[in-house]
Amino acid sequence: MHSHVHYLPMTPGLFSILVLAAVVLLILIQLRILRYAYLRLGVSPGAAMLLLFGSLIGSYFNIPLTVLPGPPVQAGQIVDFFGMRYVVPYLASPSTILAVNVGGAVIPALMSAYLVLRYQLWLRAVIATVVIAAIVHASATPVAGMGIAVPVFVPVIVTAILALLLSREYAAPLAYIGGSMGTLLGADLLNLDKIGSLGAPIASIGGAGTFDGVFLTGILAVLIAGVVAPAQPRRA
């Protein structure tokens, strides 16, 4: 059973698009076009590459937490939602396994904690996370067989606007913190009570349905840093 806990959260075609986006950023980093953008986000270009590809590779891995009681699970399907195609893994289990995704939850959480501590963004990070969580929660949709899904560009667009309103100087780290943590909180954690009734073989926090939004938010933070505020922020 546990050999099937690890799987790509999206179809190979859509996952390839995210890989392509990461490769484009990698090329821009090597050309030093985004060097100062990543410095503004709070990491070196080398660490940024590890962050991007660590998130992509980590999306394959889920850490099982517990088993949720509920109806018989649905497995081995492809679920279409808001133009995205998500993979429902084949898993011989009578109940839903609750897990946490490494690339979509663990890595963003660690990076967000680092940015909060580095720039002392406690209050603004909380505001960004709560506001984005509320908006994402309102747009989150329980999908039978998969779990909780969110329109992929909702957290990205909301994050961009809110981060710039809260602080032009710290817009990049706030975009990463608020977008990733707000999406995880609003889509997954606030809907844990619904997951057991959806018949999903694996309900992964930060996995299918939310990983794409979390990953694109990280790219958005870099773009905000490079376009809006090219100078490196001082520590608060």
Protein backbone atom coordinates (compact mmCIF):
# COMPACT_ATOMS: atom_id res chain seq x y z
CA MET A 1 0.00 0.00 0.00
CA HIS A 2 2.68 2.51 0.98
CA SER A 3 4.42 2.11 -2.39
CA HIS A 4 1.42 3.91 -3.95
CA VAL A 5 1.41 6.78 -1.48
CA HIS A 6 4.03 8.56 -3.60
CA TYR A 7 2.78 9.76 -6.99
CA LEU A 8 2.71 12.83 -9.23
CA PRO A 9 -0.25 15.02 -8.19
CA MET A 10 -0.97 16.04 -11.80
CA THR A 11 -0.91 14.42 -15.19
CA PRO A 12 2.55 14.23 -16.84
CA GLY A 13 1.59 16.95 -19.34
CA LEU A 14 0.67 19.55 -16.74
CA PHE A 15 3.59 18.60 -14.54
CA SER A 16 5.89 19.11 -17.53
CA ILE A 17 4.61 22.68 -17.85
CA LEU A 18 5.72 23.42 -14.27
CA VAL A 19 9.09 21.80 -14.98
CA LEU A 20 9.44 23.99 -18.08
CA ALA A 21 8.66 27.10 -16.02
CA ALA A 22 11.34 26.09 -13.51
CA VAL A 23 13.86 25.49 -16.31
CA VAL A 24 13.14 28.93 -17.79
CA LEU A 25 13.80 30.50 -14.38
CA LEU A 26 16.97 28.45 -14.09
CA ILE A 27 18.21 29.84 -17.42
CA LEU A 28 17.36 33.39 -16.34
CA ILE A 29 19.25 32.84 -13.09
CA GLN A 30 22.30 31.63 -14.98
CA LEU A 31 22.06 34.72 -17.17
CA ARG A 32 21.88 36.74 -13.92
CA ILE A 33 18.66 38.40 -15.04
CA LEU A 34 16.91 37.27 -11.85
CA ARG A 35 19.93 37.25 -9.57
CA TYR A 36 18.87 40.30 -7.58
CA ALA A 37 15.27 39.13 -7.53
CA TYR A 38 16.25 36.02 -5.62
CA LEU A 39 18.54 38.00 -3.37
CA ARG A 40 15.57 40.18 -2.54
CA LEU A 41 13.48 37.14 -1.74
CA GLY A 42 16.12 36.23 0.81
CA VAL A 43 17.97 33.34 -0.82
CA SER A 44 20.99 32.93 -3.07
CA PRO A 45 20.49 31.83 -6.69
CA GLY A 46 21.84 28.38 -5.82
CA ALA A 47 19.43 28.01 -2.92
CA ALA A 48 16.61 29.24 -5.17
CA MET A 49 17.31 26.46 -7.66
CA LEU A 50 17.23 23.92 -4.85
CA LEU A 51 13.96 25.41 -3.65
CA LEU A 52 12.31 25.25 -7.08
CA PHE A 53 13.39 21.77 -8.04
CA GLY A 54 13.08 20.51 -4.47
CA SER A 55 9.42 21.54 -4.59
CA LEU A 56 8.89 19.82 -7.93
CA ILE A 57 10.61 16.58 -6.93
CA GLY A 58 9.08 16.72 -3.46
CA SER A 59 5.57 16.85 -4.93
CA TYR A 60 5.99 13.13 -5.67
CA PHE A 61 6.44 12.26 -1.99
CA ASN A 62 3.70 12.12 0.65
CA ILE A 63 4.23 11.49 4.34
CA PRO A 64 1.27 9.46 5.73
CA LEU A 65 -0.18 10.86 8.95
CA THR A 66 -3.33 8.90 9.70
CA VAL A 67 -6.30 7.08 8.17
CA LEU A 68 -9.68 8.83 7.97
CA PRO A 69 -12.93 6.88 8.24
CA GLY A 70 -15.33 7.32 5.35
CA PRO A 71 -16.92 5.70 2.29
CA PRO A 72 -15.06 3.31 -0.04
CA VAL A 73 -12.32 5.13 -1.89
CA GLN A 74 -12.18 5.84 -5.61
CA ALA A 75 -8.87 5.09 -7.30
CA GLY A 76 -7.10 5.03 -10.63
CA GLN A 77 -8.86 8.04 -12.15
CA ILE A 78 -8.07 11.39 -13.74
CA VAL A 79 -10.10 14.28 -12.31
CA ASP A 80 -10.67 17.45 -14.36
CA PHE A 81 -11.11 20.65 -12.39
CA PHE A 82 -11.00 24.23 -13.68
CA GLY A 83 -8.86 23.32 -16.67
CA MET A 84 -6.40 21.22 -14.64
CA ARG A 85 -6.12 17.42 -14.66
CA TYR A 86 -5.23 15.73 -11.38
CA VAL A 87 -4.22 12.13 -10.79
CA VAL A 88 -6.14 9.93 -8.39
CA PRO A 89 -3.64 7.17 -7.50
CA TYR A 90 -4.54 3.50 -7.51
CA LEU A 91 -4.42 2.47 -3.88
CA ALA A 92 -5.89 -0.69 -2.36
CA SER A 93 -7.19 0.88 0.84
CA PRO A 94 -10.72 0.90 2.29
CA SER A 95 -10.31 4.39 3.76
CA THR A 96 -8.69 7.73 2.99
CA ILE A 97 -5.05 8.15 3.98
CA LEU A 98 -4.30 11.66 5.25
CA ALA A 99 -0.76 12.69 4.30
CA VAL A 100 1.41 15.79 3.95
CA ASN A 101 3.13 16.52 0.64
CA VAL A 102 6.85 17.30 0.83
CA GLY A 103 7.02 19.66 -2.14
CA GLY A 104 3.68 21.37 -1.64
CA ALA A 105 3.64 21.71 2.16
CA VAL A 106 6.86 20.83 4.00
CA ILE A 107 9.29 22.83 1.84
CA PRO A 108 7.02 25.94 1.53
CA ALA A 109 6.40 25.89 5.30
CA LEU A 110 10.12 25.78 6.07
CA MET A 111 10.87 28.52 3.53
CA SER A 112 8.06 30.71 4.87
CA ALA A 113 9.33 30.31 8.43
CA TYR A 114 12.80 31.33 7.25
CA LEU A 115 11.49 34.46 5.53
CA VAL A 116 9.40 35.50 8.55
CA LEU A 117 12.39 35.16 10.85
CA ARG A 118 14.82 36.80 8.44
CA TYR A 119 12.73 39.93 7.87
CA GLN A 120 10.65 39.87 11.09
CA LEU A 121 7.40 40.02 9.13
CA TRP A 122 5.22 38.62 11.90
CA LEU A 123 2.17 40.88 11.70
CA ARG A 124 2.15 41.39 7.93
CA ALA A 125 2.74 37.69 7.33
CA VAL A 126 -0.23 36.84 9.56
CA ILE A 127 -2.44 39.37 7.76
CA ALA A 128 -1.41 38.07 4.33
CA THR A 129 -1.92 34.46 5.34
CA VAL A 130 -5.33 35.03 6.94
CA VAL A 131 -6.71 37.15 4.09
CA ILE A 132 -5.52 34.75 1.39
CA ALA A 133 -6.72 31.75 3.40
CA ALA A 134 -10.21 33.28 3.65
CA ILE A 135 -10.39 33.95 -0.10
CA VAL A 136 -8.98 30.56 -1.04
CA HIS A 137 -11.32 28.81 1.40
CA ALA A 138 -14.30 30.53 -0.24
CA SER A 139 -13.19 29.28 -3.68
CA ALA A 140 -12.10 25.79 -2.59
CA THR A 141 -14.22 22.94 -3.91
CA PRO A 142 -14.48 19.41 -2.49
CA VAL A 143 -13.93 17.01 -5.42
CA ALA A 144 -14.98 13.39 -5.05
CA GLY A 145 -12.10 10.97 -5.41
CA MET A 146 -9.43 13.67 -5.16
CA GLY A 147 -9.94 15.92 -2.14
CA ILE A 148 -9.99 19.72 -2.04
CA ALA A 149 -9.24 21.67 -5.23
CA VAL A 150 -8.72 25.38 -5.82
CA PRO A 151 -8.76 27.30 -9.14
CA VAL A 152 -5.04 27.49 -9.78
CA PHE A 153 -4.76 31.23 -10.41
CA VAL A 154 -6.88 32.38 -7.45
CA PRO A 155 -4.06 32.27 -4.86
CA VAL A 156 -1.59 33.65 -7.41
CA ILE A 157 -3.61 36.75 -8.36
CA VAL A 158 -4.78 37.47 -4.81
CA THR A 159 -1.25 37.08 -3.49
CA ALA A 160 0.21 39.53 -5.99
CA ILE A 161 -2.29 42.26 -5.14
CA LEU A 162 -2.20 41.79 -1.37
CA ALA A 163 1.59 41.57 -1.08
CA LEU A 164 2.02 44.87 -2.90
CA LEU A 165 -0.64 46.54 -0.76
CA LEU A 166 0.96 45.37 2.48
CA SER A 167 4.53 46.35 1.64
CA ARG A 168 6.26 47.31 -1.55
CA GLU A 169 9.64 46.75 0.08
CA TYR A 170 8.80 43.26 1.36
CA ALA A 171 6.30 42.31 -1.35
CA ALA A 172 8.35 39.32 -2.55
CA PRO A 173 8.72 37.47 0.79
CA LEU A 174 5.14 38.37 1.73
CA ALA A 175 3.92 36.94 -1.57
CA TYR A 176 5.68 33.66 -0.88
CA ILE A 177 4.58 33.43 2.76
CA GLY A 178 0.99 34.54 2.29
CA GLY A 179 0.43 32.67 -0.95
CA SER A 180 1.80 29.32 0.12
CA MET A 181 0.63 29.30 3.74
CA GLY A 182 -2.72 30.92 2.91
CA THR A 183 -3.40 28.31 0.25
CA LEU A 184 -2.50 25.43 2.54
CA LEU A 185 -4.60 26.83 5.36
CA GLY A 186 -7.63 27.88 3.32
CA ALA A 187 -7.80 24.92 0.95
CA ASP A 188 -6.56 21.97 2.98
CA LEU A 189 -6.44 22.55 6.73
CA LEU A 190 -9.81 24.32 6.98
CA ASN A 191 -11.45 21.51 5.00
CA LEU A 192 -10.10 18.53 6.91
CA ASP A 193 -13.61 17.78 8.17
CA LYS A 194 -14.83 17.23 4.58
CA ILE A 195 -11.98 15.07 3.30
CA GLY A 196 -13.09 11.77 4.83
CA SER A 197 -16.42 11.86 2.97
CA LEU A 198 -14.93 12.40 -0.52
CA GLY A 199 -13.72 8.86 -1.13
CA ALA A 200 -10.19 9.99 -2.01
CA PRO A 201 -7.56 7.25 -1.58
CA ILE A 202 -4.98 9.85 -0.47
CA ALA A 203 -5.79 13.31 0.87
CA SER A 204 -2.45 15.07 0.77
CA ILE A 205 -1.99 18.48 2.40
CA GLY A 206 -0.24 20.51 -0.28
CA GLY A 207 -0.74 17.76 -2.85
CA ALA A 208 -3.19 17.41 -5.73
CA GLY A 209 -5.52 20.40 -6.01
CA THR A 210 -3.22 22.85 -4.20
CA PHE A 211 0.37 22.05 -5.22
CA ASP A 212 0.16 23.94 -8.52
CA GLY A 213 -1.10 27.08 -6.77
CA VAL A 214 1.60 26.87 -4.09
CA PHE A 215 4.36 26.30 -6.65
CA LEU A 216 3.24 29.13 -8.94
CA THR A 217 3.08 31.43 -5.92
CA GLY A 218 6.81 30.84 -5.40
CA ILE A 219 7.49 31.86 -9.00
CA LEU A 220 5.23 34.89 -8.55
CA ALA A 221 7.25 36.03 -5.55
CA VAL A 222 10.40 36.02 -7.66
CA LEU A 223 8.74 37.99 -10.46
CA ILE A 224 7.43 40.59 -7.99
CA ALA A 225 10.90 40.93 -6.52
CA GLY A 226 12.51 41.46 -9.90
CA VAL A 227 9.92 43.81 -11.41
CA VAL A 228 8.65 45.87 -8.49
CA ALA A 229 11.59 46.28 -6.13
CA PRO A 230 15.03 45.49 -7.57
CA ALA A 231 16.93 46.60 -4.46
CA GLN A 232 17.54 44.13 -1.64
CA PRO A 233 15.35 44.85 1.42
CA ARG A 234 16.90 45.56 4.77
CA ARG A 235 16.12 43.38 7.72
CA ALA A 236 13.28 44.76 9.79
